[in-house]
């Protein structure tokens, strides 16, 4: 929805530029309109680069977990479901080369530790 609104907002900026510059360039109408459109898109890119950066910045709404079976790295319990927090606000283990999977009990304890350190889980 935010991106759709941004798209409509671009019309407010781009249309006046095209209308004004179309009459400024001297050549046949096709060249006028093409040059006006190029200029309008350049101005739009300069303005909306910041808006797009804000829209598409990564916001973690819900934590990302990975679940698999195996041996808990903390208590060595063999479980069908081990948990690993991959990404949350103020926490990113996406590029972890040695992922740390924990059983449910150890994972709950780890989440409490992370919350004490300011990680939003």
PDB file of N, CA and C in Angstrom:
ATOM      1  N   UNK A   1       0.825  -1.199   0.000  1.00  0.00           N
ATOM      2  CA  UNK A   1       0.000   0.000   0.000  1.00  0.00           C
ATOM      3  C   UNK A   1       0.868   1.263   0.000  1.00  0.00           C
ATOM      4  N   UNK A   2       1.931   1.246   0.803  1.00  0.00           N
ATOM      5  CA  UNK A   2       2.820   2.406   0.856  1.00  0.00           C
ATOM      6  C   UNK A   2       3.445   2.654  -0.510  1.00  0.00           C
ATOM      7  N   UNK A   3       3.868   1.573  -1.183  1.00  0.00           N
ATOM      8  CA  UNK A   3       4.490   1.746  -2.491  1.00  0.00           C
ATOM      9  C   UNK A   3       3.487   2.262  -3.521  1.00  0.00           C
ATOM     10  N   UNK A   4       2.240   1.818  -3.447  1.00  0.00           N
ATOM     11  CA  UNK A   4       1.210   2.310  -4.363  1.00  0.00           C
ATOM     12  C   UNK A   4       0.984   3.812  -4.155  1.00  0.00           C
ATOM     13  N   UNK A   5       0.980   4.242  -2.912  1.00  0.00           N
ATOM     14  CA  UNK A   5       0.841   5.679  -2.632  1.00  0.00           C
ATOM     15  C   UNK A   5       2.045   6.452  -3.155  1.00  0.00           C
ATOM     16  N   UNK A   6       3.238   5.900  -2.986  1.00  0.00           N
ATOM     17  CA  UNK A   6       4.455   6.543  -3.500  1.00  0.00           C
ATOM     18  C   UNK A   6       4.373   6.665  -5.019  1.00  0.00           C
ATOM     19  N   UNK A   7       3.872   5.631  -5.664  1.00  0.00           N
ATOM     20  CA  UNK A   7       3.753   5.638  -7.121  1.00  0.00           C
ATOM     21  C   UNK A   7       2.816   6.772  -7.566  1.00  0.00           C
ATOM     22  N   UNK A   8       1.705   6.944  -6.878  1.00  0.00           N
ATOM     23  CA  UNK A   8       0.780   8.024  -7.219  1.00  0.00           C
ATOM     24  C   UNK A   8       1.384   9.389  -6.932  1.00  0.00           C
ATOM     25  N   UNK A   9       2.154   9.496  -5.871  1.00  0.00           N
ATOM     26  CA  UNK A   9       2.814  10.755  -5.532  1.00  0.00           C
ATOM     27  C   UNK A   9       3.805  11.163  -6.609  1.00  0.00           C
ATOM     28  N   UNK A  10       4.411  10.191  -7.272  1.00  0.00           N
ATOM     29  CA  UNK A  10       5.363  10.525  -8.330  1.00  0.00           C
ATOM     30  C   UNK A  10       4.679  11.259  -9.483  1.00  0.00           C
ATOM     31  N   UNK A  11       3.414  10.994  -9.705  1.00  0.00           N
ATOM     32  CA  UNK A  11       2.670  11.696 -10.764  1.00  0.00           C
ATOM     33  C   UNK A  11       2.614  13.196 -10.486  1.00  0.00           C
ATOM     34  N   UNK A  12       2.432  13.542  -9.227  1.00  0.00           N
ATOM     35  CA  UNK A  12       2.344  14.959  -8.842  1.00  0.00           C
ATOM     36  C   UNK A  12       3.645  15.681  -9.159  1.00  0.00           C
ATOM     37  N   UNK A  13       4.771  15.003  -9.045  1.00  0.00           N
ATOM     38  CA  UNK A  13       6.062  15.630  -9.326  1.00  0.00           C
ATOM     39  C   UNK A  13       6.418  15.545 -10.799  1.00  0.00           C
ATOM     40  N   UNK A  14       6.169  14.406 -11.422  1.00  0.00           N
ATOM     41  CA  UNK A  14       6.608  14.197 -12.796  1.00  0.00           C
ATOM     42  C   UNK A  14       5.746  14.914 -13.841  1.00  0.00           C
ATOM     43  N   UNK A  15       4.457  14.949 -13.646  1.00  0.00           N
ATOM     44  CA  UNK A  15       3.569  15.556 -14.649  1.00  0.00           C
ATOM     45  C   UNK A  15       3.881  17.032 -14.892  1.00  0.00           C
ATOM     46  N   UNK A  16       4.026  17.868 -13.855  1.00  0.00           N
ATOM     47  CA  UNK A  16       4.352  19.272 -14.124  1.00  0.00           C
ATOM     48  C   UNK A  16       5.689  19.454 -14.844  1.00  0.00           C
ATOM     49  N   UNK A  17       6.653  18.605 -14.543  1.00  0.00           N
ATOM     50  CA  UNK A  17       7.955  18.702 -15.221  1.00  0.00           C
ATOM     51  C   UNK A  17       7.784  18.391 -16.701  1.00  0.00           C
ATOM     52  N   UNK A  18       7.034  17.352 -17.016  1.00  0.00           N
ATOM     53  CA  UNK A  18       6.812  16.994 -18.421  1.00  0.00           C
ATOM     54  C   UNK A  18       6.041  18.099 -19.138  1.00  0.00           C
ATOM     55  N   UNK A  19       5.011  18.623 -18.505  1.00  0.00           N
ATOM     56  CA  UNK A  19       4.200  19.675 -19.136  1.00  0.00           C
ATOM     57  C   UNK A  19       5.034  20.916 -19.401  1.00  0.00           C
ATOM     58  N   UNK A  20       5.814  21.340 -18.408  1.00  0.00           N
ATOM     59  CA  UNK A  20       6.622  22.556 -18.551  1.00  0.00           C
ATOM     60  C   UNK A  20       7.747  22.372 -19.559  1.00  0.00           C
ATOM     61  N   UNK A  21       8.519  21.293 -19.430  1.00  0.00           N
ATOM     62  CA  UNK A  21       9.697  21.122 -20.287  1.00  0.00           C
ATOM     63  C   UNK A  21       9.345  20.697 -21.700  1.00  0.00           C
ATOM     64  N   UNK A  22       8.185  20.130 -21.926  1.00  0.00           N
ATOM     65  CA  UNK A  22       7.786  19.736 -23.275  1.00  0.00           C
ATOM     66  C   UNK A  22       7.733  20.954 -24.192  1.00  0.00           C
ATOM     67  N   UNK A  23       7.322  22.088 -23.674  1.00  0.00           N
ATOM     68  CA  UNK A  23       7.275  23.297 -24.482  1.00  0.00           C
ATOM     69  C   UNK A  23       8.610  24.001 -24.599  1.00  0.00           C
ATOM     70  N   UNK A  24       9.548  23.697 -23.718  1.00  0.00           N
ATOM     71  CA  UNK A  24      10.843  24.374 -23.700  1.00  0.00           C
ATOM     72  C   UNK A  24      11.783  23.841 -24.766  1.00  0.00           C
ATOM     73  N   UNK A  25      11.829  22.515 -24.935  1.00  0.00           N
ATOM     74  CA  UNK A  25      12.743  21.920 -25.904  1.00  0.00           C
ATOM     75  C   UNK A  25      12.261  22.217 -27.321  1.00  0.00           C
ATOM     76  N   UNK A  26      13.202  22.548 -28.200  1.00  0.00           N
ATOM     77  CA  UNK A  26      12.820  22.875 -29.572  1.00  0.00           C
ATOM     78  C   UNK A  26      13.133  21.700 -30.494  1.00  0.00           C
ATOM     79  N   UNK A  27      12.114  21.133 -31.028  1.00  0.00           N
ATOM     80  CA  UNK A  27      12.193  20.052 -32.016  1.00  0.00           C
ATOM     81  C   UNK A  27      10.766  19.597 -32.263  1.00  0.00           C
ATOM     82  N   UNK A  28      10.617  18.499 -32.979  1.00  0.00           N
ATOM     83  CA  UNK A  28       9.247  18.032 -33.195  1.00  0.00           C
ATOM     84  C   UNK A  28       8.678  17.487 -31.887  1.00  0.00           C
ATOM     85  N   UNK A  29       7.386  17.247 -31.842  1.00  0.00           N
ATOM     86  CA  UNK A  29       6.710  16.865 -30.602  1.00  0.00           C
ATOM     87  C   UNK A  29       7.246  15.582 -29.978  1.00  0.00           C
ATOM     88  N   UNK A  30       7.641  14.619 -30.793  1.00  0.00           N
ATOM     89  CA  UNK A  30       8.160  13.361 -30.250  1.00  0.00           C
ATOM     90  C   UNK A  30       9.443  13.606 -29.465  1.00  0.00           C
ATOM     91  N   UNK A  31      10.334  14.405 -30.014  1.00  0.00           N
ATOM     92  CA  UNK A  31      11.589  14.705 -29.327  1.00  0.00           C
ATOM     93  C   UNK A  31      11.303  15.521 -28.067  1.00  0.00           C
ATOM     94  N   UNK A  32      10.400  16.497 -28.160  1.00  0.00           N
ATOM     95  CA  UNK A  32      10.037  17.288 -26.983  1.00  0.00           C
ATOM     96  C   UNK A  32       9.568  16.391 -25.847  1.00  0.00           C
ATOM     97  N   UNK A  33       8.634  15.533 -26.161  1.00  0.00           N
ATOM     98  CA  UNK A  33       8.057  14.671 -25.135  1.00  0.00           C
ATOM     99  C   UNK A  33       9.098  13.701 -24.574  1.00  0.00           C
ATOM    100  N   UNK A  34       9.956  13.168 -25.434  1.00  0.00           N
ATOM    101  CA  UNK A  34      11.000  12.238 -24.989  1.00  0.00           C
ATOM    102  C   UNK A  34      11.988  12.926 -24.061  1.00  0.00           C
ATOM    103  N   UNK A  35      12.482  14.090 -24.435  1.00  0.00           N
ATOM    104  CA  UNK A  35      13.413  14.840 -23.593  1.00  0.00           C
ATOM    105  C   UNK A  35      12.755  15.259 -22.277  1.00  0.00           C
ATOM    106  N   UNK A  36      11.508  15.681 -22.356  1.00  0.00           N
ATOM    107  CA  UNK A  36      10.778  16.067 -21.143  1.00  0.00           C
ATOM    108  C   UNK A  36      10.615  14.877 -20.203  1.00  0.00           C
ATOM    109  N   UNK A  37      10.324  13.716 -20.773  1.00  0.00           N
ATOM    110  CA  UNK A  37      10.170  12.515 -19.959  1.00  0.00           C
ATOM    111  C   UNK A  37      11.485  12.099 -19.319  1.00  0.00           C
ATOM    112  N   UNK A  38      12.566  12.176 -20.065  1.00  0.00           N
ATOM    113  CA  UNK A  38      13.889  11.845 -19.514  1.00  0.00           C
ATOM    114  C   UNK A  38      14.231  12.776 -18.356  1.00  0.00           C
ATOM    115  N   UNK A  39      14.010  14.058 -18.535  1.00  0.00           N
ATOM    116  CA  UNK A  39      14.293  15.031 -17.477  1.00  0.00           C
ATOM    117  C   UNK A  39      13.396  14.786 -16.261  1.00  0.00           C
ATOM    118  N   UNK A  40      12.120  14.521 -16.498  1.00  0.00           N
ATOM    119  CA  UNK A  40      11.188  14.260 -15.397  1.00  0.00           C
ATOM    120  C   UNK A  40      11.598  13.013 -14.619  1.00  0.00           C
ATOM    121  N   UNK A  41      12.006  11.979 -15.332  1.00  0.00           N
ATOM    122  CA  UNK A  41      12.444  10.751 -14.649  1.00  0.00           C
ATOM    123  C   UNK A  41      13.723  10.974 -13.853  1.00  0.00           C
ATOM    124  N   UNK A  42      14.622  11.806 -14.364  1.00  0.00           N
ATOM    125  CA  UNK A  42      15.839  12.117 -13.624  1.00  0.00           C
ATOM    126  C   UNK A  42      15.506  12.869 -12.335  1.00  0.00           C
ATOM    127  N   UNK A  43      14.639  13.855 -12.435  1.00  0.00           N
ATOM    128  CA  UNK A  43      14.220  14.610 -11.243  1.00  0.00           C
ATOM    129  C   UNK A  43      13.495  13.680 -10.270  1.00  0.00           C
ATOM    130  N   UNK A  44      12.609  12.833 -10.793  1.00  0.00           N
ATOM    131  CA  UNK A  44      11.907  11.871  -9.942  1.00  0.00           C
ATOM    132  C   UNK A  44      12.860  10.925  -9.241  1.00  0.00           C
ATOM    133  N   UNK A  45      13.891  10.477  -9.950  1.00  0.00           N
ATOM    134  CA  UNK A  45      14.878   9.579  -9.340  1.00  0.00           C
ATOM    135  C   UNK A  45      15.610  10.279  -8.200  1.00  0.00           C
ATOM    136  N   UNK A  46      15.949  11.548  -8.403  1.00  0.00           N
ATOM    137  CA  UNK A  46      16.634  12.305  -7.345  1.00  0.00           C
ATOM    138  C   UNK A  46      15.743  12.482  -6.113  1.00  0.00           C
ATOM    139  N   UNK A  47      14.465  12.728  -6.328  1.00  0.00           N
ATOM    140  CA  UNK A  47      13.538  12.939  -5.221  1.00  0.00           C
ATOM    141  C   UNK A  47      13.186  11.615  -4.543  1.00  0.00           C
ATOM    142  N   UNK A  48      12.828  10.617  -5.338  1.00  0.00           N
ATOM    143  CA  UNK A  48      12.270   9.395  -4.773  1.00  0.00           C
ATOM    144  C   UNK A  48      13.307   8.364  -4.361  1.00  0.00           C
ATOM    145  N   UNK A  49      14.586   8.624  -4.608  1.00  0.00           N
ATOM    146  CA  UNK A  49      15.619   7.721  -4.122  1.00  0.00           C
ATOM    147  C   UNK A  49      15.522   7.606  -2.602  1.00  0.00           C
ATOM    148  N   UNK A  50      15.330   8.736  -1.943  1.00  0.00           N
ATOM    149  CA  UNK A  50      15.224   8.738  -0.484  1.00  0.00           C
ATOM    150  C   UNK A  50      13.930   8.075  -0.014  1.00  0.00           C
ATOM    151  N   UNK A  51      12.849   8.330  -0.721  1.00  0.00           N
ATOM    152  CA  UNK A  51      11.562   7.733  -0.362  1.00  0.00           C
ATOM    153  C   UNK A  51      11.628   6.211  -0.531  1.00  0.00           C
ATOM    154  N   UNK A  52      12.176   5.752  -1.658  1.00  0.00           N
ATOM    155  CA  UNK A  52      12.289   4.309  -1.907  1.00  0.00           C
ATOM    156  C   UNK A  52      13.214   3.648  -0.889  1.00  0.00           C
ATOM    157  N   UNK A  53      14.280   4.329  -0.541  1.00  0.00           N
ATOM    158  CA  UNK A  53      15.199   3.789   0.458  1.00  0.00           C
ATOM    159  C   UNK A  53      14.456   3.577   1.778  1.00  0.00           C
ATOM    160  N   UNK A  54      13.607   4.501   2.153  1.00  0.00           N
ATOM    161  CA  UNK A  54      12.829   4.373   3.377  1.00  0.00           C
ATOM    162  C   UNK A  54      11.801   3.242   3.270  1.00  0.00           C
ATOM    163  N   UNK A  55      11.109   3.170   2.114  1.00  0.00           N
ATOM    164  CA  UNK A  55      10.077   2.151   1.925  1.00  0.00           C
ATOM    165  C   UNK A  55      10.678   0.746   1.979  1.00  0.00           C
ATOM    166  N   UNK A  56      11.813   0.568   1.320  1.00  0.00           N
ATOM    167  CA  UNK A  56      12.360  -0.773   1.172  1.00  0.00           C
ATOM    168  C   UNK A  56      13.415  -1.133   2.206  1.00  0.00           C
ATOM    169  N   UNK A  57      13.640  -0.257   3.178  1.00  0.00           N
ATOM    170  CA  UNK A  57      14.601  -0.650   4.212  1.00  0.00           C
ATOM    171  C   UNK A  57      14.016  -1.840   4.952  1.00  0.00           C
ATOM    172  N   UNK A  58      14.908  -2.682   5.387  1.00  0.00           N
ATOM    173  CA  UNK A  58      14.470  -3.940   5.985  1.00  0.00           C
ATOM    174  C   UNK A  58      13.996  -3.705   7.408  1.00  0.00           C
ATOM    175  N   UNK A  59      12.742  -4.023   7.622  1.00  0.00           N
ATOM    176  CA  UNK A  59      12.172  -3.931   8.961  1.00  0.00           C
ATOM    177  C   UNK A  59      11.732  -5.323   9.380  1.00  0.00           C
ATOM    178  N   UNK A  60      12.198  -5.736  10.523  1.00  0.00           N
ATOM    179  CA  UNK A  60      11.828  -7.050  11.030  1.00  0.00           C
ATOM    180  C   UNK A  60      10.564  -6.894  11.861  1.00  0.00           C
ATOM    181  N   UNK A  61       9.461  -7.433  11.373  1.00  0.00           N
ATOM    182  CA  UNK A  61       8.202  -7.382  12.099  1.00  0.00           C
ATOM    183  C   UNK A  61       8.086  -8.617  12.990  1.00  0.00           C
ATOM    184  N   UNK A  62       8.429  -9.761  12.432  1.00  0.00           N
ATOM    185  CA  UNK A  62       8.398 -11.018  13.175  1.00  0.00           C
ATOM    186  C   UNK A  62       9.787 -11.649  13.079  1.00  0.00           C
ATOM    187  N   UNK A  63      10.260 -12.225  14.160  1.00  0.00           N
ATOM    188  CA  UNK A  63      11.578 -12.867  14.105  1.00  0.00           C
ATOM    189  C   UNK A  63      11.580 -14.032  13.114  1.00  0.00           C
ATOM    190  N   UNK A  64      12.734 -14.267  12.522  1.00  0.00           N
ATOM    191  CA  UNK A  64      12.905 -15.371  11.580  1.00  0.00           C
ATOM    192  C   UNK A  64      13.620 -16.512  12.300  1.00  0.00           C
ATOM    193  N   UNK A  65      12.987 -17.667  12.298  1.00  0.00           N
ATOM    194  CA  UNK A  65      13.526 -18.850  12.959  1.00  0.00           C
ATOM    195  C   UNK A  65      13.816 -19.931  11.928  1.00  0.00           C
ATOM    196  N   UNK A  66      14.810 -20.754  12.215  1.00  0.00           N
ATOM    197  CA  UNK A  66      15.074 -21.955  11.425  1.00  0.00           C
ATOM    198  C   UNK A  66      14.862 -23.145  12.358  1.00  0.00           C
ATOM    199  N   UNK A  67      14.182 -24.173  11.866  1.00  0.00           N
ATOM    200  CA  UNK A  67      13.852 -25.343  12.691  1.00  0.00           C
ATOM    201  C   UNK A  67      14.295 -26.591  11.946  1.00  0.00           C
ATOM    202  N   UNK A  68      14.988 -27.468  12.682  1.00  0.00           N
ATOM    203  CA  UNK A  68      15.375 -28.751  12.098  1.00  0.00           C
ATOM    204  C   UNK A  68      15.646 -29.745  13.223  1.00  0.00           C
ATOM    205  N   UNK A  69      15.767 -30.995  12.876  1.00  0.00           N
ATOM    206  CA  UNK A  69      16.059 -32.028  13.864  1.00  0.00           C
ATOM    207  C   UNK A  69      17.554 -32.212  14.047  1.00  0.00           C
ATOM    208  N   UNK A  70      17.924 -32.822  15.168  1.00  0.00           N
ATOM    209  CA  UNK A  70      19.332 -33.082  15.415  1.00  0.00           C
ATOM    210  C   UNK A  70      19.653 -33.089  16.897  1.00  0.00           C
ATOM    211  N   UNK A  71      20.863 -32.674  17.221  1.00  0.00           N
ATOM    212  CA  UNK A  71      21.355 -32.679  18.596  1.00  0.00           C
ATOM    213  C   UNK A  71      21.489 -31.236  19.083  1.00  0.00           C
ATOM    214  N   UNK A  72      20.913 -30.959  20.246  1.00  0.00           N
ATOM    215  CA  UNK A  72      20.999 -29.622  20.842  1.00  0.00           C
ATOM    216  C   UNK A  72      22.459 -29.318  21.166  1.00  0.00           C
ATOM    217  N   UNK A  73      22.928 -28.137  20.762  1.00  0.00           N
ATOM    218  CA  UNK A  73      24.325 -27.767  20.979  1.00  0.00           C
ATOM    219  C   UNK A  73      24.624 -27.411  22.433  1.00  0.00           C
ATOM    220  N   UNK A  74      23.591 -27.217  23.245  1.00  0.00           N
ATOM    221  CA  UNK A  74      23.814 -26.847  24.635  1.00  0.00           C
ATOM    222  C   UNK A  74      23.705 -28.044  25.581  1.00  0.00           C
ATOM    223  N   UNK A  75      22.648 -28.829  25.452  1.00  0.00           N
ATOM    224  CA  UNK A  75      22.416 -29.936  26.399  1.00  0.00           C
ATOM    225  C   UNK A  75      22.567 -31.310  25.767  1.00  0.00           C
ATOM    226  N   UNK A  76      22.858 -31.368  24.481  1.00  0.00           N
ATOM    227  CA  UNK A  76      23.075 -32.609  23.720  1.00  0.00           C
ATOM    228  C   UNK A  76      21.837 -33.498  23.602  1.00  0.00           C
ATOM    229  N   UNK A  77      20.653 -32.949  23.851  1.00  0.00           N
ATOM    230  CA  UNK A  77      19.415 -33.721  23.679  1.00  0.00           C
ATOM    231  C   UNK A  77      19.172 -33.953  22.188  1.00  0.00           C
ATOM    232  N   UNK A  78      18.730 -35.135  21.855  1.00  0.00           N
ATOM    233  CA  UNK A  78      18.383 -35.454  20.468  1.00  0.00           C
ATOM    234  C   UNK A  78      16.902 -35.168  20.295  1.00  0.00           C
ATOM    235  N   UNK A  79      16.583 -34.269  19.377  1.00  0.00           N
ATOM    236  CA  UNK A  79      15.196 -33.813  19.198  1.00  0.00           C
ATOM    237  C   UNK A  79      14.836 -33.785  17.712  1.00  0.00           C
ATOM    238  N   UNK A  80      13.535 -33.926  17.436  1.00  0.00           N
ATOM    239  CA  UNK A  80      13.034 -33.764  16.071  1.00  0.00           C
ATOM    240  C   UNK A  80      12.966 -32.292  15.684  1.00  0.00           C
ATOM    241  N   UNK A  81      12.838 -31.432  16.705  1.00  0.00           N
ATOM    242  CA  UNK A  81      12.720 -29.996  16.441  1.00  0.00           C
ATOM    243  C   UNK A  81      13.728 -29.237  17.297  1.00  0.00           C
ATOM    244  N   UNK A  82      14.710 -28.671  16.612  1.00  0.00           N
ATOM    245  CA  UNK A  82      15.671 -27.771  17.237  1.00  0.00           C
ATOM    246  C   UNK A  82      15.459 -26.394  16.628  1.00  0.00           C
ATOM    247  N   UNK A  83      15.721 -25.356  17.394  1.00  0.00           N
ATOM    248  CA  UNK A  83      15.402 -23.999  16.977  1.00  0.00           C
ATOM    249  C   UNK A  83      16.655 -23.145  16.907  1.00  0.00           C
ATOM    250  N   UNK A  84      16.657 -22.252  15.911  1.00  0.00           N
ATOM    251  CA  UNK A  84      17.736 -21.286  15.785  1.00  0.00           C
ATOM    252  C   UNK A  84      17.122 -19.955  15.388  1.00  0.00           C
ATOM    253  N   UNK A  85      17.354 -18.945  16.192  1.00  0.00           N
ATOM    254  CA  UNK A  85      16.914 -17.599  15.830  1.00  0.00           C
ATOM    255  C   UNK A  85      17.876 -17.069  14.794  1.00  0.00           C
ATOM    256  N   UNK A  86      17.344 -16.723  13.635  1.00  0.00           N
ATOM    257  CA  UNK A  86      18.180 -16.272  12.526  1.00  0.00           C
ATOM    258  C   UNK A  86      18.226 -14.750  12.474  1.00  0.00           C
ATOM    259  N   UNK A  87      17.052 -14.114  12.595  1.00  0.00           N
ATOM    260  CA  UNK A  87      17.026 -12.663  12.463  1.00  0.00           C
ATOM    261  C   UNK A  87      15.894 -12.085  13.300  1.00  0.00           C
ATOM    262  N   UNK A  88      16.203 -11.019  14.011  1.00  0.00           N
ATOM    263  CA  UNK A  88      15.236 -10.262  14.795  1.00  0.00           C
ATOM    264  C   UNK A  88      15.763  -8.830  14.880  1.00  0.00           C
ATOM    265  N   UNK A  89      14.983  -7.952  15.464  1.00  0.00           N
ATOM    266  CA  UNK A  89      15.443  -6.576  15.617  1.00  0.00           C
ATOM    267  C   UNK A  89      16.679  -6.579  16.514  1.00  0.00           C
ATOM    268  N   UNK A  90      17.754  -5.963  16.058  1.00  0.00           N
ATOM    269  CA  UNK A  90      19.049  -5.900  16.748  1.00  0.00           C
ATOM    270  C   UNK A  90      19.752  -7.256  16.812  1.00  0.00           C
ATOM    271  N   UNK A  91      19.420  -8.175  15.916  1.00  0.00           N
ATOM    272  CA  UNK A  91      20.024  -9.508  15.917  1.00  0.00           C
ATOM    273  C   UNK A  91      20.014 -10.049  14.497  1.00  0.00           C
ATOM    274  N   UNK A  92      21.184 -10.436  13.973  1.00  0.00           N
ATOM    275  CA  UNK A  92      21.257 -10.949  12.610  1.00  0.00           C
ATOM    276  C   UNK A  92      22.318 -12.042  12.530  1.00  0.00           C
ATOM    277  N   UNK A  93      21.870 -13.261  12.308  1.00  0.00           N
ATOM    278  CA  UNK A  93      22.781 -14.391  12.139  1.00  0.00           C
ATOM    279  C   UNK A  93      22.556 -15.053  10.778  1.00  0.00           C
ATOM    280  N   UNK A  94      22.189 -14.239   9.790  1.00  0.00           N
ATOM    281  CA  UNK A  94      21.925 -14.764   8.447  1.00  0.00           C
ATOM    282  C   UNK A  94      23.177 -15.401   7.830  1.00  0.00           C
ATOM    283  N   UNK A  95      24.332 -14.830   8.084  1.00  0.00           N
ATOM    284  CA  UNK A  95      25.567 -15.310   7.464  1.00  0.00           C
ATOM    285  C   UNK A  95      26.388 -16.195   8.401  1.00  0.00           C
ATOM    286  N   UNK A  96      25.753 -16.765   9.390  1.00  0.00           N
ATOM    287  CA  UNK A  96      26.455 -17.601  10.365  1.00  0.00           C
ATOM    288  C   UNK A  96      26.931 -18.894   9.699  1.00  0.00           C
ATOM    289  N   UNK A  97      28.227 -19.137   9.728  1.00  0.00           N
ATOM    290  CA  UNK A  97      28.789 -20.345   9.109  1.00  0.00           C
ATOM    291  C   UNK A  97      28.626 -21.580   9.988  1.00  0.00           C
ATOM    292  N   UNK A  98      28.395 -21.379  11.276  1.00  0.00           N
ATOM    293  CA  UNK A  98      28.240 -22.488  12.208  1.00  0.00           C
ATOM    294  C   UNK A  98      26.960 -22.285  13.014  1.00  0.00           C
ATOM    295  N   UNK A  99      25.787 -22.565  12.404  1.00  0.00           N
ATOM    296  CA  UNK A  99      24.524 -22.282  13.092  1.00  0.00           C
ATOM    297  C   UNK A  99      24.380 -23.098  14.376  1.00  0.00           C
ATOM    298  N   UNK A 100      23.747 -22.488  15.361  1.00  0.00           N
ATOM    299  CA  UNK A 100      23.633 -23.024  16.720  1.00  0.00           C
ATOM    300  C   UNK A 100      22.176 -23.380  16.967  1.00  0.00           C
ATOM    301  N   UNK A 101      21.827 -24.679  16.863  1.00  0.00           N
ATOM    302  CA  UNK A 101      20.456 -25.138  17.060  1.00  0.00           C
ATOM    303  C   UNK A 101      20.274 -25.635  18.484  1.00  0.00           C
ATOM    304  N   UNK A 102      19.147 -25.264  19.100  1.00  0.00           N
ATOM    305  CA  UNK A 102      18.877 -25.600  20.488  1.00  0.00           C
ATOM    306  C   UNK A 102      17.519 -26.279  20.620  1.00  0.00           C
ATOM    307  N   UNK A 103      17.396 -27.156  21.639  1.00  0.00           N
ATOM    308  CA  UNK A 103      16.103 -27.754  21.942  1.00  0.00           C
ATOM    309  C   UNK A 103      15.177 -26.657  22.480  1.00  0.00           C
ATOM    310  N   UNK A 104      13.925 -26.978  22.675  1.00  0.00           N
ATOM    311  CA  UNK A 104      12.955 -25.981  23.104  1.00  0.00           C
ATOM    312  C   UNK A 104      13.339 -25.351  24.439  1.00  0.00           C
ATOM    313  N   UNK A 105      13.720 -26.155  25.422  1.00  0.00           N
ATOM    314  CA  UNK A 105      14.081 -25.613  26.740  1.00  0.00           C
ATOM    315  C   UNK A 105      15.290 -24.683  26.662  1.00  0.00           C
ATOM    316  N   UNK A 106      16.327 -25.117  25.971  1.00  0.00           N
ATOM    317  CA  UNK A 106      17.531 -24.283  25.837  1.00  0.00           C
ATOM    318  C   UNK A 106      17.246 -23.035  25.002  1.00  0.00           C
ATOM    319  N   UNK A 107      16.374 -23.173  24.009  1.00  0.00           N
ATOM    320  CA  UNK A 107      16.016 -22.036  23.165  1.00  0.00           C
ATOM    321  C   UNK A 107      15.265 -20.981  23.965  1.00  0.00           C
ATOM    322  N   UNK A 108      14.357 -21.399  24.849  1.00  0.00           N
ATOM    323  CA  UNK A 108      13.615 -20.465  25.697  1.00  0.00           C
ATOM    324  C   UNK A 108      14.585 -19.696  26.593  1.00  0.00           C
ATOM    325  N   UNK A 109      15.560 -20.402  27.162  1.00  0.00           N
ATOM    326  CA  UNK A 109      16.572 -19.740  28.003  1.00  0.00           C
ATOM    327  C   UNK A 109      17.388 -18.741  27.186  1.00  0.00           C
ATOM    328  N   UNK A 110      17.761 -19.121  25.971  1.00  0.00           N
ATOM    329  CA  UNK A 110      18.542 -18.239  25.099  1.00  0.00           C
ATOM    330  C   UNK A 110      17.744 -16.990  24.743  1.00  0.00           C
ATOM    331  N   UNK A 111      16.463 -17.137  24.472  1.00  0.00           N
ATOM    332  CA  UNK A 111      15.610 -15.991  24.152  1.00  0.00           C
ATOM    333  C   UNK A 111      15.561 -15.022  25.331  1.00  0.00           C
ATOM    334  N   UNK A 112      15.467 -15.555  26.547  1.00  0.00           N
ATOM    335  CA  UNK A 112      15.477 -14.685  27.734  1.00  0.00           C
ATOM    336  C   UNK A 112      16.782 -13.908  27.827  1.00  0.00           C
ATOM    337  N   UNK A 113      17.909 -14.571  27.558  1.00  0.00           N
ATOM    338  CA  UNK A 113      19.215 -13.895  27.571  1.00  0.00           C
ATOM    339  C   UNK A 113      19.267 -12.798  26.507  1.00  0.00           C
ATOM    340  N   UNK A 114      18.768 -13.112  25.326  1.00  0.00           N
ATOM    341  CA  UNK A 114      18.790 -12.132  24.240  1.00  0.00           C
ATOM    342  C   UNK A 114      17.921 -10.920  24.584  1.00  0.00           C
ATOM    343  N   UNK A 115      16.767 -11.147  25.180  1.00  0.00           N
ATOM    344  CA  UNK A 115      15.885 -10.043  25.551  1.00  0.00           C
ATOM    345  C   UNK A 115      16.563  -9.137  26.577  1.00  0.00           C
ATOM    346  N   UNK A 116      17.321  -9.720  27.483  1.00  0.00           N
ATOM    347  CA  UNK A 116      18.061  -8.915  28.475  1.00  0.00           C
ATOM    348  C   UNK A 116      19.117  -8.047  27.798  1.00  0.00           C
ATOM    349  N   UNK A 117      19.607  -8.492  26.628  1.00  0.00           N
ATOM    350  CA  UNK A 117      20.595  -7.719  25.876  1.00  0.00           C
ATOM    351  C   UNK A 117      19.967  -6.744  24.890  1.00  0.00           C
ATOM    352  N   UNK A 118      18.621  -6.656  24.888  1.00  0.00           N
ATOM    353  CA  UNK A 118      17.938  -5.684  24.034  1.00  0.00           C
ATOM    354  C   UNK A 118      17.445  -6.193  22.707  1.00  0.00           C
ATOM    355  N   UNK A 119      17.559  -7.494  22.466  1.00  0.00           N
ATOM    356  CA  UNK A 119      17.045  -8.074  21.218  1.00  0.00           C
ATOM    357  C   UNK A 119      15.542  -8.257  21.353  1.00  0.00           C
ATOM    358  N   UNK A 120      14.801  -7.794  20.344  1.00  0.00           N
ATOM    359  CA  UNK A 120      13.341  -7.903  20.364  1.00  0.00           C
ATOM    360  C   UNK A 120      12.939  -9.210  19.712  1.00  0.00           C
ATOM    361  N   UNK A 121      12.498 -10.174  20.525  1.00  0.00           N
ATOM    362  CA  UNK A 121      12.099 -11.491  20.032  1.00  0.00           C
ATOM    363  C   UNK A 121      10.653 -11.725  20.424  1.00  0.00           C
TER     364      UNK A 121
END
